[in-house]
Amino acid sequence: MKIQNFLRSYVVLVATLSLAIIVSTVLCLNNILEVKNAQANRVKTLHLADELRHYSGDLTRFARSYAATSDPKFLGYFERVLAIMDGDEARPNGYEGVYWDLLVAGQPLMSEGEGVALSLEARLLEVGVTVEEFAKLTEAKHRSDDLAKLEFITQQAIIGRFDDGSGKFERVGDPDPAFALALLHSDEYHTEVALIMRPIGEFIEMVDKRTLSQLDILTGRSESLMTLIAILSGFLAFIGLASALFMRKKVMVRANKLALTSHQVMKGNLEARCGFRGHDEIAEIGNAMDSMLNNLSIAISQEKEARAEAEKQTELLTEE
């Protein structure tokens, strides 16, 4: 193979492998970013489910506290929970943590200030869930709203207002906190709570299965890309080593042989030869030198023979 053709093939191959490694690396980095985004989305989505569970628990907590104490601040907390979840009031910073526990106890909050007002449905669409998952969590939200209506009955009983049979609380009587507490601890109430928690649990299972499957796919893709990068890098290193050995054998070794032959000829050793095989550039130079030396040796030999013959003829003429 011509050295020029070898070098051209080497450059093309190295450039192709390098480009493949660069593209694979970019794809791998993008895939890693997708993994991070998928993990963050998974956490956000599961936080929403947990927040809805806390939402129902907070309503129960404040409804029972109001029934037990008749303190209007608990009624205010109850109404704020509803307003925040419905997007009618801005969410306080740090709301998903221990906000109510600190506020009720009169302790300093972890974070001050407020965020934006967004309903649960809007936040679900923001993080991106499937239609089935959205349906499960909205079902839980609607059931929680229905439970809030039952809790509203207890709140009216505390101030002495009762259902008049038409759905309106216009029948006035003595406040009945015992009735309110009994209703908030009744089997009916616990059944309603269970009906809220079931779709939340199903939502968590669906999200868990979907996001884990997505993460498995992305992780598998990253592993495949990293394996490809390792293979390409190894092949590139092999090509570099093989090319170095080839150039050493085809260029450096024979160039040294060519120089040595030239020095021997310069010292008068006309029997020195390169003895190269092949059709590359250095072989052609060596073969040309060998051919020239062969021709020179033949010419010198012929000259010696002619000179010897001439001397012989001269001697014969002298004797005559």
Protein backbone atom coordinates (compact mmCIF):
# COMPACT_ATOMS: atom_id res chain seq x y z
CA MET A 1 0.00 0.00 0.00
CA LYS A 2 1.20 3.47 -0.84
CA ILE A 3 2.12 5.45 2.27
CA GLN A 4 0.12 8.37 0.92
CA ASN A 5 -2.97 6.16 0.57
CA PHE A 6 -2.38 4.74 4.04
CA LEU A 7 -2.13 8.21 5.57
CA ARG A 8 -5.27 9.31 3.72
CA SER A 9 -7.17 6.26 4.98
CA TYR A 10 -5.78 6.79 8.49
CA VAL A 11 -6.93 10.42 8.60
CA VAL A 12 -10.41 9.52 7.31
CA LEU A 13 -10.76 6.64 9.80
CA VAL A 14 -9.53 8.70 12.77
CA ALA A 15 -11.79 11.61 11.82
CA THR A 16 -14.78 9.26 11.49
CA LEU A 17 -14.10 7.59 14.84
CA SER A 18 -13.52 10.93 16.55
CA LEU A 19 -16.77 12.31 15.14
CA ALA A 20 -18.62 9.17 16.27
CA ILE A 21 -17.16 9.54 19.77
CA ILE A 22 -18.14 13.23 19.91
CA VAL A 23 -21.70 12.51 18.73
CA SER A 24 -22.05 9.60 21.17
CA THR A 25 -20.73 11.76 24.01
CA VAL A 26 -23.20 14.55 23.22
CA LEU A 27 -26.06 12.03 23.08
CA CYS A 28 -24.90 10.51 26.37
CA LEU A 29 -24.75 13.92 28.07
CA ASN A 30 -28.22 14.81 26.75
CA ASN A 31 -29.52 11.47 27.98
CA ILE A 32 -28.01 12.07 31.43
CA LEU A 33 -29.80 15.43 31.47
CA GLU A 34 -33.04 13.64 30.57
CA VAL A 35 -32.44 11.23 33.46
CA LYS A 36 -32.03 14.16 35.86
CA ASN A 37 -35.17 15.83 34.52
CA ALA A 38 -37.12 12.57 34.78
CA GLN A 39 -35.97 12.10 38.37
CA ALA A 40 -36.93 15.68 39.24
CA ASN A 41 -40.32 15.25 37.57
CA ARG A 42 -40.88 12.00 39.46
CA VAL A 43 -40.14 13.72 42.78
CA LYS A 44 -42.43 16.67 41.96
CA THR A 45 -45.28 14.39 40.92
CA LEU A 46 -45.03 12.24 44.04
CA HIS A 47 -44.87 15.41 46.13
CA LEU A 48 -48.22 16.45 44.66
CA ALA A 49 -49.76 13.15 45.71
CA ASP A 50 -48.30 13.53 49.19
CA GLU A 51 -49.55 17.11 49.35
CA LEU A 52 -53.09 16.02 48.51
CA ARG A 53 -52.89 13.42 51.27
CA HIS A 54 -51.75 16.13 53.68
CA TYR A 55 -54.47 18.40 52.32
CA SER A 56 -57.15 15.96 53.40
CA GLY A 57 -55.39 15.36 56.71
CA ASP A 58 -55.10 19.10 57.42
CA LEU A 59 -58.81 19.60 56.76
CA THR A 60 -59.64 16.78 59.16
CA ARG A 61 -57.25 18.15 61.76
CA PHE A 62 -58.68 21.66 61.70
CA ALA A 63 -62.30 20.47 61.51
CA ARG A 64 -61.80 18.33 64.63
CA SER A 65 -59.89 21.10 66.42
CA TYR A 66 -62.69 23.54 65.68
CA ALA A 67 -65.30 21.05 66.88
CA ALA A 68 -63.38 20.44 70.10
CA THR A 69 -62.52 24.07 70.94
CA SER A 70 -64.95 26.25 68.96
CA ASP A 71 -61.91 28.47 68.33
CA PRO A 72 -62.56 30.38 65.07
CA LYS A 73 -58.86 30.37 64.16
CA PHE A 74 -59.16 26.67 63.26
CA LEU A 75 -62.08 27.49 60.99
CA GLY A 76 -59.87 30.12 59.36
CA TYR A 77 -57.10 27.57 58.87
CA PHE A 78 -59.63 25.15 57.37
CA GLU A 79 -60.82 27.73 54.85
CA ARG A 80 -57.24 28.72 53.97
CA VAL A 81 -56.34 25.09 53.20
CA LEU A 82 -59.27 24.90 50.78
CA ALA A 83 -58.39 28.22 49.16
CA ILE A 84 -54.72 27.30 48.66
CA MET A 85 -55.51 23.91 47.15
CA ASP A 86 -58.13 25.42 44.82
CA GLY A 87 -55.72 28.12 43.67
CA ASP A 88 -57.76 30.95 45.19
CA GLU A 89 -54.91 31.94 47.50
CA ALA A 90 -51.16 32.05 46.90
CA ARG A 91 -49.20 29.12 48.26
CA PRO A 92 -46.89 30.15 51.11
CA ASN A 93 -43.22 29.32 50.61
CA GLY A 94 -42.37 26.00 52.23
CA TYR A 95 -46.03 24.99 52.24
CA GLU A 96 -45.31 21.39 51.30
CA GLY A 97 -43.27 20.89 54.47
CA VAL A 98 -44.21 21.63 58.06
CA TYR A 99 -45.95 24.95 57.40
CA TRP A 100 -49.16 24.26 59.32
CA ASP A 101 -47.43 22.53 62.22
CA LEU A 102 -45.31 25.61 62.85
CA LEU A 103 -48.10 28.11 62.19
CA VAL A 104 -50.61 26.44 64.53
CA ALA A 105 -48.00 26.23 67.28
CA GLY A 106 -47.09 29.90 66.81
CA GLN A 107 -43.51 29.02 65.88
CA PRO A 108 -41.40 30.92 63.30
CA LEU A 109 -41.94 29.61 59.78
CA MET A 110 -39.15 27.94 57.82
CA SER A 111 -39.67 30.31 54.86
CA GLU A 112 -41.33 33.68 54.62
CA GLY A 113 -43.25 35.10 51.69
CA GLU A 114 -45.68 33.61 49.21
CA GLY A 115 -45.44 31.97 45.83
CA VAL A 116 -48.05 31.86 43.10
CA ALA A 117 -51.68 30.80 43.30
CA LEU A 118 -52.11 27.52 41.42
CA SER A 119 -54.77 24.87 41.80
CA LEU A 120 -53.86 21.21 42.16
CA GLU A 121 -55.11 20.52 38.63
CA ALA A 122 -52.93 23.28 37.17
CA ARG A 123 -49.87 21.98 38.99
CA LEU A 124 -50.54 18.46 37.75
CA LEU A 125 -50.61 19.71 34.17
CA GLU A 126 -47.43 21.68 34.87
CA VAL A 127 -45.38 18.64 35.89
CA GLY A 128 -46.88 16.48 33.15
CA VAL A 129 -48.87 13.37 34.04
CA THR A 130 -50.80 10.88 31.95
CA VAL A 131 -54.57 11.14 31.49
CA GLU A 132 -55.10 8.15 33.76
CA GLU A 133 -52.89 9.59 36.51
CA PHE A 134 -54.59 12.97 36.25
CA ALA A 135 -57.97 11.27 36.58
CA LYS A 136 -56.89 9.43 39.74
CA LEU A 137 -55.63 12.50 41.55
CA THR A 138 -58.58 14.66 40.50
CA GLU A 139 -60.87 11.89 41.73
CA ALA A 140 -59.15 12.05 45.11
CA LYS A 141 -59.46 15.85 45.07
CA HIS A 142 -63.18 15.70 44.33
CA ARG A 143 -63.74 13.13 47.07
CA SER A 144 -61.82 15.36 49.46
CA ASP A 145 -64.08 18.25 48.46
CA ASP A 146 -67.08 16.03 49.22
CA LEU A 147 -65.61 15.27 52.64
CA ALA A 148 -65.19 19.00 53.18
CA LYS A 149 -68.96 19.32 52.74
CA LEU A 150 -69.43 16.81 55.55
CA GLU A 151 -67.00 18.83 57.64
CA PHE A 152 -69.00 21.94 56.81
CA ILE A 153 -72.03 20.30 58.47
CA THR A 154 -70.02 19.92 61.68
CA GLN A 155 -68.92 23.56 61.53
CA GLN A 156 -72.52 24.70 61.23
CA ALA A 157 -73.55 22.47 64.15
CA ILE A 158 -70.98 24.20 66.35
CA ILE A 159 -72.64 27.59 65.77
CA GLY A 160 -76.13 26.12 66.10
CA ARG A 161 -77.18 26.00 62.46
CA PHE A 162 -78.57 22.79 60.96
CA ASP A 163 -79.83 21.50 57.64
CA ASP A 164 -83.47 22.41 57.20
CA GLY A 165 -84.05 19.53 54.79
CA SER A 166 -83.50 21.55 51.63
CA GLY A 167 -79.71 21.62 51.87
CA LYS A 168 -79.73 25.04 53.46
CA PHE A 169 -78.56 25.56 57.02
CA GLU A 170 -81.32 27.88 58.11
CA ARG A 171 -82.69 25.83 61.01
CA VAL A 172 -81.35 27.42 64.18
CA GLY A 173 -80.80 25.53 67.41
CA ASP A 174 -78.43 25.13 70.30
CA PRO A 175 -74.76 24.62 69.32
CA ASP A 176 -74.00 20.91 69.29
CA PRO A 177 -70.20 20.31 69.36
CA ALA A 178 -70.80 16.74 70.57
CA PHE A 179 -72.68 15.98 67.34
CA ALA A 180 -69.85 17.56 65.36
CA LEU A 181 -67.17 15.52 67.13
CA ALA A 182 -69.18 12.32 66.77
CA LEU A 183 -69.62 12.91 63.04
CA LEU A 184 -65.91 13.67 62.59
CA HIS A 185 -65.04 10.33 64.23
CA SER A 186 -67.86 8.27 62.74
CA ASP A 187 -67.54 5.22 60.47
CA GLU A 188 -69.03 7.30 57.66
CA TYR A 189 -66.24 9.86 58.05
CA HIS A 190 -63.49 7.21 58.08
CA THR A 191 -65.04 5.57 55.01
CA GLU A 192 -64.96 8.89 53.17
CA VAL A 193 -61.30 9.34 54.13
CA ALA A 194 -60.50 5.86 52.79
CA LEU A 195 -62.26 6.71 49.52
CA ILE A 196 -59.90 9.68 49.21
CA MET A 197 -56.77 7.72 49.99
CA ARG A 198 -57.44 4.83 47.60
CA PRO A 199 -57.11 6.85 44.35
CA ILE A 200 -54.10 8.63 45.87
CA GLY A 201 -52.46 5.26 46.48
CA GLU A 202 -53.35 4.12 42.95
CA PHE A 203 -51.94 7.38 41.57
CA ILE A 204 -48.65 6.82 43.42
CA GLU A 205 -48.42 3.26 42.07
CA MET A 206 -49.09 4.44 38.50
CA VAL A 207 -46.55 7.27 38.71
CA ASP A 208 -44.01 5.00 40.37
CA LYS A 209 -44.36 2.35 37.67
CA ARG A 210 -44.28 4.85 34.78
CA THR A 211 -41.36 6.91 36.03
CA LEU A 212 -39.28 3.90 37.04
CA SER A 213 -39.85 2.39 33.60
CA GLN A 214 -38.85 5.68 32.00
CA LEU A 215 -35.74 5.88 34.17
CA ASP A 216 -34.83 2.27 33.33
CA ILE A 217 -35.05 3.07 29.61
CA LEU A 218 -32.98 6.24 29.95
CA THR A 219 -30.42 4.54 32.19
CA GLY A 220 -30.13 1.64 29.77
CA ARG A 221 -29.63 4.09 26.91
CA SER A 222 -26.88 5.86 28.87
CA GLU A 223 -25.14 2.57 29.58
CA SER A 224 -25.34 1.60 25.89
CA LEU A 225 -23.92 4.95 24.82
CA MET A 226 -21.10 4.74 27.36
CA THR A 227 -20.30 1.22 26.16
CA LEU A 228 -20.26 2.47 22.57
CA ILE A 229 -17.95 5.35 23.54
CA ALA A 230 -15.60 2.89 25.29
CA ILE A 231 -15.55 0.60 22.23
CA LEU A 232 -14.95 3.48 19.82
CA SER A 233 -12.22 4.91 22.06
CA GLY A 234 -10.55 1.51 22.32
CA PHE A 235 -10.73 1.05 18.55
CA LEU A 236 -9.29 4.54 18.05
CA ALA A 237 -6.40 3.72 20.40
CA PHE A 238 -5.83 0.43 18.55
CA ILE A 239 -5.79 2.24 15.20
CA GLY A 240 -3.28 4.75 16.57
CA LEU A 241 -0.99 1.99 17.90
CA ALA A 242 -1.28 -0.10 14.72
CA SER A 243 -0.57 2.97 12.59
CA ALA A 244 2.49 3.82 14.68
CA LEU A 245 3.83 0.26 14.24
CA PHE A 246 3.06 0.37 10.52
CA MET A 247 4.83 3.71 10.07
CA ARG A 248 7.80 2.45 12.08
CA LYS A 249 8.10 -0.64 9.91
CA LYS A 250 7.30 0.94 6.57
CA VAL A 251 8.98 4.31 7.02
CA MET A 252 11.46 4.61 9.88
CA VAL A 253 13.10 1.17 9.61
CA ARG A 254 13.37 1.28 5.81
CA ALA A 255 14.45 4.92 5.82
CA ASN A 256 17.31 3.91 8.12
CA LYS A 257 18.10 0.98 5.79
CA LEU A 258 18.07 3.35 2.81
CA ALA A 259 20.47 5.75 4.57
CA LEU A 260 22.76 2.87 5.60
CA THR A 261 22.88 1.55 2.03
CA SER A 262 23.71 5.03 0.74
CA HIS A 263 26.59 5.34 3.22
CA GLN A 264 27.94 1.92 2.22
CA VAL A 265 27.85 2.89 -1.45
CA MET A 266 29.61 6.15 -0.65
CA LYS A 267 32.37 4.10 1.03
CA GLY A 268 32.77 2.05 -2.15
CA ASN A 269 30.66 -1.00 -1.32
CA LEU A 270 28.81 -1.42 -4.60
CA GLU A 271 27.41 -4.75 -3.45
CA ALA A 272 25.18 -3.04 -0.86
CA ARG A 273 21.48 -3.29 -1.61
CA CYS A 274 18.25 -2.10 0.05
CA GLY A 275 16.32 -5.26 -0.79
CA PHE A 276 12.88 -3.70 -0.21
CA ARG A 277 9.62 -5.40 -1.15
CA GLY A 278 6.35 -3.69 -1.93
CA HIS A 279 5.18 -0.81 -4.05
CA ASP A 280 5.12 2.11 -1.64
CA GLU A 281 7.16 5.27 -2.08
CA ILE A 282 10.20 4.19 -0.03
CA ALA A 283 10.21 0.76 -1.68
CA GLU A 284 10.22 2.45 -5.07
CA ILE A 285 13.17 4.64 -4.03
CA GLY A 286 15.04 1.62 -2.65
CA ASN A 287 14.28 -0.49 -5.71
CA ALA A 288 15.40 2.35 -7.97
CA MET A 289 18.65 2.60 -6.00
CA ASP A 290 19.13 -1.17 -6.19
CA SER A 291 18.47 -1.11 -9.93
CA MET A 292 20.93 1.75 -10.39
CA LEU A 293 23.55 -0.11 -8.37
CA ASN A 294 22.93 -3.27 -10.37
CA ASN A 295 23.35 -1.37 -13.62
CA LEU A 296 26.43 0.35 -12.26
CA SER A 297 27.91 -2.98 -11.17
CA ILE A 298 27.22 -4.45 -14.61
CA ALA A 299 28.75 -1.43 -16.33
CA ILE A 300 31.86 -1.60 -14.13
CA SER A 301 32.12 -5.34 -14.70
CA GLN A 302 31.80 -4.87 -18.45
CA GLU A 303 34.37 -2.09 -18.34
CA LYS A 304 36.79 -4.34 -16.45
CA GLU A 305 36.23 -7.13 -18.94
CA ALA A 306 36.76 -4.74 -21.87
CA ARG A 307 39.91 -3.34 -20.25
CA ALA A 308 41.24 -6.85 -19.63
CA GLU A 309 40.53 -7.82 -23.21
CA ALA A 310 42.24 -4.67 -24.48
CA GLU A 311 45.29 -5.37 -22.33
CA LYS A 312 45.39 -8.93 -23.64
CA GLN A 313 45.26 -7.74 -27.24
CA THR A 314 48.00 -5.21 -26.52
CA GLU A 315 50.25 -7.93 -25.11
CA LEU A 316 49.69 -10.11 -28.21
CA LEU A 317 50.59 -7.28 -30.54
CA THR A 318 53.71 -6.54 -28.54
CA GLU A 319 54.90 -10.17 -28.77
CA GLU A 320 54.50 -10.17 -32.54
